[in-house]
Amino acid sequence: MKGTYLGEFEEIVLLAVGILGDDAYGVSIRKEIGTQTGRAVNIGAVHTAIHRLETKGYLKSTFGESTNIRGGKRKRLFFLTAAGLKALSRSRELRTQMWSQFPPILSKSKIV
């Protein structure tokens, strides 16, 4: 399982990339995660997760066109691979399976 396991933050990064589509680059991913989760996310954490996800084969990247807004610098755009989409699907299936087995009494009680 090691090497292909998705951590929570990695899963969130993959989901953000999927949501953003053709506009998924470091800063937009960070902003999307912040919007969706309400969490302040460090850009370094995003880049670290992206690197791990590329190493696992779940993301690929390409460079976009240069823009005047960025001083001629090109954005590195990310997109999900088939393996990344499959990993997200497995993660969702596992969570659904486990939630379906969660005792109803616990889900209704206040656990401290």
N, C-alpha and C. Protein backbone atom coordinates (compact mmCIF):
# COMPACT_ATOMS: atom_id res chain seq x y z
N MET A 1 0.82 -1.19 0.00
CA MET A 1 0.00 0.00 0.00
C MET A 1 0.87 1.25 0.00
N LYS A 2 2.04 1.16 0.63
CA LYS A 2 2.92 2.32 0.65
C LYS A 2 3.33 2.68 -0.78
N GLY A 3 3.36 3.98 -1.05
CA GLY A 3 3.73 4.43 -2.38
C GLY A 3 2.51 4.82 -3.21
N THR A 4 1.41 4.11 -3.01
CA THR A 4 0.20 4.43 -3.76
C THR A 4 -0.89 4.98 -2.85
N TYR A 5 -0.71 4.88 -1.55
CA TYR A 5 -1.68 5.38 -0.59
C TYR A 5 -1.82 6.89 -0.73
N LEU A 6 -3.06 7.37 -0.69
CA LEU A 6 -3.32 8.82 -0.73
C LEU A 6 -3.53 9.34 0.68
N GLY A 7 -2.71 10.29 1.08
CA GLY A 7 -2.95 10.98 2.33
C GLY A 7 -4.09 11.97 2.13
N GLU A 8 -4.63 12.48 3.23
CA GLU A 8 -5.76 13.42 3.14
C GLU A 8 -5.43 14.63 2.27
N PHE A 9 -4.27 15.25 2.51
CA PHE A 9 -3.93 16.45 1.76
C PHE A 9 -3.69 16.13 0.28
N GLU A 10 -3.08 14.98 0.00
CA GLU A 10 -2.88 14.59 -1.39
C GLU A 10 -4.22 14.41 -2.09
N GLU A 11 -5.16 13.80 -1.40
CA GLU A 11 -6.50 13.62 -1.97
C GLU A 11 -7.15 14.97 -2.27
N ILE A 12 -7.01 15.89 -1.35
CA ILE A 12 -7.58 17.23 -1.53
C ILE A 12 -6.91 17.94 -2.72
N VAL A 13 -5.60 17.79 -2.86
CA VAL A 13 -4.90 18.40 -4.00
C VAL A 13 -5.40 17.80 -5.31
N LEU A 14 -5.54 16.49 -5.38
CA LEU A 14 -6.05 15.86 -6.59
C LEU A 14 -7.47 16.34 -6.92
N LEU A 15 -8.30 16.45 -5.89
CA LEU A 15 -9.66 16.94 -6.11
C LEU A 15 -9.65 18.38 -6.63
N ALA A 16 -8.79 19.22 -6.06
CA ALA A 16 -8.69 20.61 -6.52
C ALA A 16 -8.23 20.67 -7.98
N VAL A 17 -7.26 19.84 -8.34
CA VAL A 17 -6.79 19.80 -9.73
C VAL A 17 -7.94 19.42 -10.66
N GLY A 18 -8.72 18.42 -10.26
CA GLY A 18 -9.86 18.01 -11.06
C GLY A 18 -10.90 19.11 -11.20
N ILE A 19 -11.17 19.82 -10.13
CA ILE A 19 -12.14 20.91 -10.14
C ILE A 19 -11.67 22.04 -11.06
N LEU A 20 -10.38 22.37 -10.98
CA LEU A 20 -9.84 23.50 -11.73
C LEU A 20 -9.66 23.21 -13.23
N GLY A 21 -9.55 21.97 -13.59
CA GLY A 21 -9.40 21.62 -15.00
C GLY A 21 -8.16 22.24 -15.62
N ASP A 22 -8.34 22.98 -16.72
CA ASP A 22 -7.22 23.56 -17.45
C ASP A 22 -6.54 24.72 -16.74
N ASP A 23 -7.04 25.13 -15.59
CA ASP A 23 -6.46 26.26 -14.85
C ASP A 23 -5.80 25.81 -13.54
N ALA A 24 -5.36 24.55 -13.50
CA ALA A 24 -4.75 24.01 -12.28
C ALA A 24 -3.25 24.26 -12.27
N TYR A 25 -2.82 25.27 -11.53
CA TYR A 25 -1.40 25.55 -11.31
C TYR A 25 -1.24 25.84 -9.83
N GLY A 26 -0.02 25.91 -9.34
CA GLY A 26 0.24 25.99 -7.91
C GLY A 26 -0.64 26.94 -7.13
N VAL A 27 -0.68 28.21 -7.54
CA VAL A 27 -1.43 29.22 -6.79
C VAL A 27 -2.93 28.97 -6.87
N SER A 28 -3.43 28.58 -8.05
CA SER A 28 -4.87 28.34 -8.16
C SER A 28 -5.29 27.12 -7.34
N ILE A 29 -4.42 26.11 -7.26
CA ILE A 29 -4.70 24.93 -6.44
C ILE A 29 -4.77 25.34 -4.98
N ARG A 30 -3.80 26.14 -4.53
CA ARG A 30 -3.80 26.62 -3.14
C ARG A 30 -5.08 27.39 -2.83
N LYS A 31 -5.48 28.27 -3.74
CA LYS A 31 -6.70 29.07 -3.53
C LYS A 31 -7.94 28.18 -3.49
N GLU A 32 -8.02 27.22 -4.38
CA GLU A 32 -9.18 26.32 -4.43
C GLU A 32 -9.29 25.51 -3.14
N ILE A 33 -8.17 25.03 -2.65
CA ILE A 33 -8.17 24.28 -1.39
C ILE A 33 -8.65 25.17 -0.26
N GLY A 34 -8.16 26.40 -0.22
CA GLY A 34 -8.60 27.34 0.81
C GLY A 34 -10.10 27.61 0.74
N THR A 35 -10.60 27.81 -0.48
CA THR A 35 -12.03 28.07 -0.67
C THR A 35 -12.87 26.87 -0.24
N GLN A 36 -12.46 25.69 -0.65
CA GLN A 36 -13.24 24.48 -0.38
C GLN A 36 -13.18 24.04 1.08
N THR A 37 -12.03 24.23 1.72
CA THR A 37 -11.85 23.69 3.08
C THR A 37 -11.89 24.75 4.17
N GLY A 38 -11.69 26.01 3.79
CA GLY A 38 -11.59 27.06 4.81
C GLY A 38 -10.26 27.05 5.53
N ARG A 39 -9.30 26.28 5.01
CA ARG A 39 -7.98 26.18 5.63
C ARG A 39 -7.00 27.08 4.89
N ALA A 40 -6.13 27.74 5.64
CA ALA A 40 -5.04 28.49 5.03
C ALA A 40 -3.95 27.48 4.66
N VAL A 41 -3.56 27.46 3.40
CA VAL A 41 -2.61 26.46 2.93
C VAL A 41 -1.35 27.15 2.44
N ASN A 42 -0.22 26.63 2.88
CA ASN A 42 1.08 27.15 2.47
C ASN A 42 1.39 26.65 1.06
N ILE A 43 1.85 27.54 0.18
CA ILE A 43 2.16 27.16 -1.20
C ILE A 43 3.24 26.08 -1.25
N GLY A 44 4.16 26.10 -0.29
CA GLY A 44 5.20 25.07 -0.23
C GLY A 44 4.61 23.69 0.00
N ALA A 45 3.57 23.60 0.83
CA ALA A 45 2.90 22.33 1.08
C ALA A 45 2.23 21.82 -0.19
N VAL A 46 1.65 22.74 -0.95
CA VAL A 46 1.01 22.37 -2.21
C VAL A 46 2.06 21.82 -3.18
N HIS A 47 3.18 22.51 -3.31
CA HIS A 47 4.23 22.07 -4.23
C HIS A 47 4.81 20.72 -3.81
N THR A 48 4.96 20.51 -2.51
CA THR A 48 5.47 19.22 -2.02
C THR A 48 4.51 18.10 -2.36
N ALA A 49 3.21 18.34 -2.14
CA ALA A 49 2.20 17.32 -2.47
C ALA A 49 2.16 17.06 -3.96
N ILE A 50 2.23 18.12 -4.76
CA ILE A 50 2.22 17.97 -6.21
C ILE A 50 3.40 17.11 -6.66
N HIS A 51 4.56 17.36 -6.10
CA HIS A 51 5.75 16.57 -6.46
C HIS A 51 5.53 15.09 -6.13
N ARG A 52 5.01 14.81 -4.94
CA ARG A 52 4.75 13.42 -4.55
C ARG A 52 3.74 12.77 -5.49
N LEU A 53 2.70 13.52 -5.86
CA LEU A 53 1.65 12.99 -6.73
C LEU A 53 2.17 12.75 -8.14
N GLU A 54 3.08 13.59 -8.60
CA GLU A 54 3.71 13.34 -9.91
C GLU A 54 4.58 12.08 -9.84
N THR A 55 5.31 11.92 -8.75
CA THR A 55 6.17 10.75 -8.57
C THR A 55 5.34 9.47 -8.56
N LYS A 56 4.16 9.53 -7.95
CA LYS A 56 3.26 8.37 -7.91
C LYS A 56 2.56 8.13 -9.24
N GLY A 57 2.65 9.09 -10.15
CA GLY A 57 2.01 8.96 -11.45
C GLY A 57 0.57 9.42 -11.48
N TYR A 58 0.15 10.16 -10.46
CA TYR A 58 -1.24 10.61 -10.36
C TYR A 58 -1.48 11.97 -11.01
N LEU A 59 -0.41 12.72 -11.21
CA LEU A 59 -0.48 14.01 -11.89
C LEU A 59 0.59 14.07 -12.97
N LYS A 60 0.30 14.84 -13.99
CA LYS A 60 1.29 15.19 -15.03
C LYS A 60 1.25 16.71 -15.13
N SER A 61 2.28 17.28 -15.73
CA SER A 61 2.30 18.73 -15.88
C SER A 61 2.80 19.13 -17.26
N THR A 62 2.46 20.33 -17.61
CA THR A 62 2.92 20.94 -18.85
C THR A 62 3.03 22.43 -18.59
N PHE A 63 3.77 23.12 -19.42
CA PHE A 63 3.89 24.56 -19.25
C PHE A 63 2.89 25.27 -20.17
N GLY A 64 2.20 26.27 -19.60
CA GLY A 64 1.29 27.09 -20.38
C GLY A 64 2.06 28.17 -21.11
N GLU A 65 1.33 29.02 -21.77
CA GLU A 65 1.93 30.14 -22.50
C GLU A 65 2.43 31.20 -21.53
N SER A 66 3.43 31.96 -21.92
CA SER A 66 3.92 33.06 -21.09
C SER A 66 2.92 34.21 -21.17
N THR A 67 2.84 34.96 -20.08
CA THR A 67 1.91 36.10 -20.04
C THR A 67 2.64 37.34 -19.53
N ASN A 68 2.16 38.50 -19.93
CA ASN A 68 2.73 39.76 -19.44
C ASN A 68 2.47 39.94 -17.95
N ILE A 69 1.34 39.44 -17.49
CA ILE A 69 0.99 39.57 -16.07
C ILE A 69 2.04 38.91 -15.19
N ARG A 70 2.60 37.82 -15.67
CA ARG A 70 3.62 37.08 -14.91
C ARG A 70 5.02 37.44 -15.35
N GLY A 71 5.17 38.57 -16.03
CA GLY A 71 6.49 39.00 -16.48
C GLY A 71 7.11 38.07 -17.50
N GLY A 72 6.29 37.46 -18.31
CA GLY A 72 6.78 36.54 -19.34
C GLY A 72 6.98 35.12 -18.85
N LYS A 73 6.75 34.90 -17.56
CA LYS A 73 6.94 33.57 -16.99
C LYS A 73 5.74 32.68 -17.31
N ARG A 74 6.02 31.42 -17.62
CA ARG A 74 4.95 30.48 -17.94
C ARG A 74 4.46 29.75 -16.69
N LYS A 75 3.16 29.45 -16.64
CA LYS A 75 2.60 28.68 -15.54
C LYS A 75 2.85 27.20 -15.80
N ARG A 76 3.11 26.47 -14.74
CA ARG A 76 3.19 25.02 -14.83
C ARG A 76 1.80 24.49 -14.50
N LEU A 77 1.15 23.93 -15.48
CA LEU A 77 -0.22 23.45 -15.34
C LEU A 77 -0.23 21.96 -15.05
N PHE A 78 -1.15 21.55 -14.18
CA PHE A 78 -1.23 20.16 -13.75
C PHE A 78 -2.56 19.55 -14.18
N PHE A 79 -2.54 18.26 -14.45
CA PHE A 79 -3.76 17.56 -14.77
C PHE A 79 -3.70 16.13 -14.23
N LEU A 80 -4.87 15.58 -13.95
CA LEU A 80 -4.98 14.22 -13.44
C LEU A 80 -4.63 13.21 -14.53
N THR A 81 -3.97 12.15 -14.13
CA THR A 81 -3.75 11.03 -15.04
C THR A 81 -4.86 10.00 -14.78
N ALA A 82 -4.92 8.99 -15.61
CA ALA A 82 -5.90 7.92 -15.39
C ALA A 82 -5.64 7.26 -14.04
N ALA A 83 -4.37 7.10 -13.68
CA ALA A 83 -4.03 6.51 -12.38
C ALA A 83 -4.47 7.41 -11.23
N GLY A 84 -4.38 8.72 -11.40
CA GLY A 84 -4.82 9.66 -10.37
C GLY A 84 -6.32 9.60 -10.17
N LEU A 85 -7.06 9.52 -11.27
CA LEU A 85 -8.51 9.41 -11.19
C LEU A 85 -8.91 8.10 -10.54
N LYS A 86 -8.18 7.03 -10.85
CA LYS A 86 -8.45 5.73 -10.24
C LYS A 86 -8.16 5.76 -8.74
N ALA A 87 -7.08 6.43 -8.35
CA ALA A 87 -6.74 6.54 -6.93
C ALA A 87 -7.82 7.30 -6.17
N LEU A 88 -8.34 8.36 -6.78
CA LEU A 88 -9.44 9.11 -6.15
C LEU A 88 -10.68 8.24 -6.01
N SER A 89 -10.97 7.47 -7.03
CA SER A 89 -12.13 6.59 -7.01
C SER A 89 -11.99 5.53 -5.92
N ARG A 90 -10.80 4.93 -5.82
CA ARG A 90 -10.55 3.93 -4.76
C ARG A 90 -10.71 4.55 -3.38
N SER A 91 -10.21 5.77 -3.21
CA SER A 91 -10.31 6.45 -1.93
C SER A 91 -11.78 6.68 -1.56
N ARG A 92 -12.56 7.14 -2.52
CA ARG A 92 -13.99 7.38 -2.28
C ARG A 92 -14.71 6.07 -1.95
N GLU A 93 -14.40 5.01 -2.69
CA GLU A 93 -15.02 3.71 -2.44
C GLU A 93 -14.70 3.19 -1.04
N LEU A 94 -13.44 3.33 -0.63
CA LEU A 94 -13.04 2.88 0.70
C LEU A 94 -13.79 3.64 1.78
N ARG A 95 -13.85 4.96 1.63
CA ARG A 95 -14.57 5.78 2.63
C ARG A 95 -16.05 5.41 2.69
N THR A 96 -16.66 5.22 1.53
CA THR A 96 -18.08 4.86 1.48
C THR A 96 -18.31 3.50 2.13
N GLN A 97 -17.43 2.55 1.82
CA GLN A 97 -17.53 1.21 2.41
C GLN A 97 -17.42 1.28 3.93
N MET A 98 -16.45 2.03 4.41
CA MET A 98 -16.25 2.10 5.86
C MET A 98 -17.39 2.85 6.54
N TRP A 99 -17.88 3.94 5.94
CA TRP A 99 -19.01 4.66 6.53
C TRP A 99 -20.25 3.78 6.58
N SER A 100 -20.44 2.92 5.59
CA SER A 100 -21.62 2.06 5.57
C SER A 100 -21.58 1.05 6.72
N GLN A 101 -20.40 0.79 7.27
CA GLN A 101 -20.26 -0.16 8.37
C GLN A 101 -20.19 0.53 9.74
N PHE A 102 -20.22 1.83 9.74
CA PHE A 102 -20.12 2.60 10.98
C PHE A 102 -21.42 2.39 11.77
N PRO A 103 -21.33 1.98 13.02
CA PRO A 103 -22.54 1.73 13.81
C PRO A 103 -23.41 2.99 13.91
N PRO A 104 -24.68 2.87 13.56
CA PRO A 104 -25.58 4.04 13.58
C PRO A 104 -25.63 4.72 14.95
N ILE A 105 -25.53 3.96 16.00
CA ILE A 105 -25.61 4.54 17.34
C ILE A 105 -24.46 5.52 17.58
N LEU A 106 -23.27 5.21 17.03
CA LEU A 106 -22.12 6.10 17.19
C LEU A 106 -22.27 7.37 16.38
N SER A 107 -22.86 7.26 15.21
CA SER A 107 -23.00 8.46 14.36
C SER A 107 -24.01 9.44 14.92
N LYS A 108 -24.90 8.97 15.83
CA LYS A 108 -25.91 9.83 16.42
C LYS A 108 -25.52 10.33 17.81
N SER A 109 -24.53 9.72 18.41
CA SER A 109 -24.14 10.11 19.76
C SER A 109 -23.04 11.16 19.74
N LYS A 110 -22.88 11.78 20.87
CA LYS A 110 -21.81 12.78 21.02
C LYS A 110 -20.61 12.07 21.63
N ILE A 111 -19.60 11.87 20.80
CA ILE A 111 -18.39 11.19 21.26
C ILE A 111 -17.37 12.25 21.64
N VAL A 112 -16.79 12.06 22.81
CA VAL A 112 -15.80 13.02 23.29
C VAL A 112 -14.44 12.42 23.18
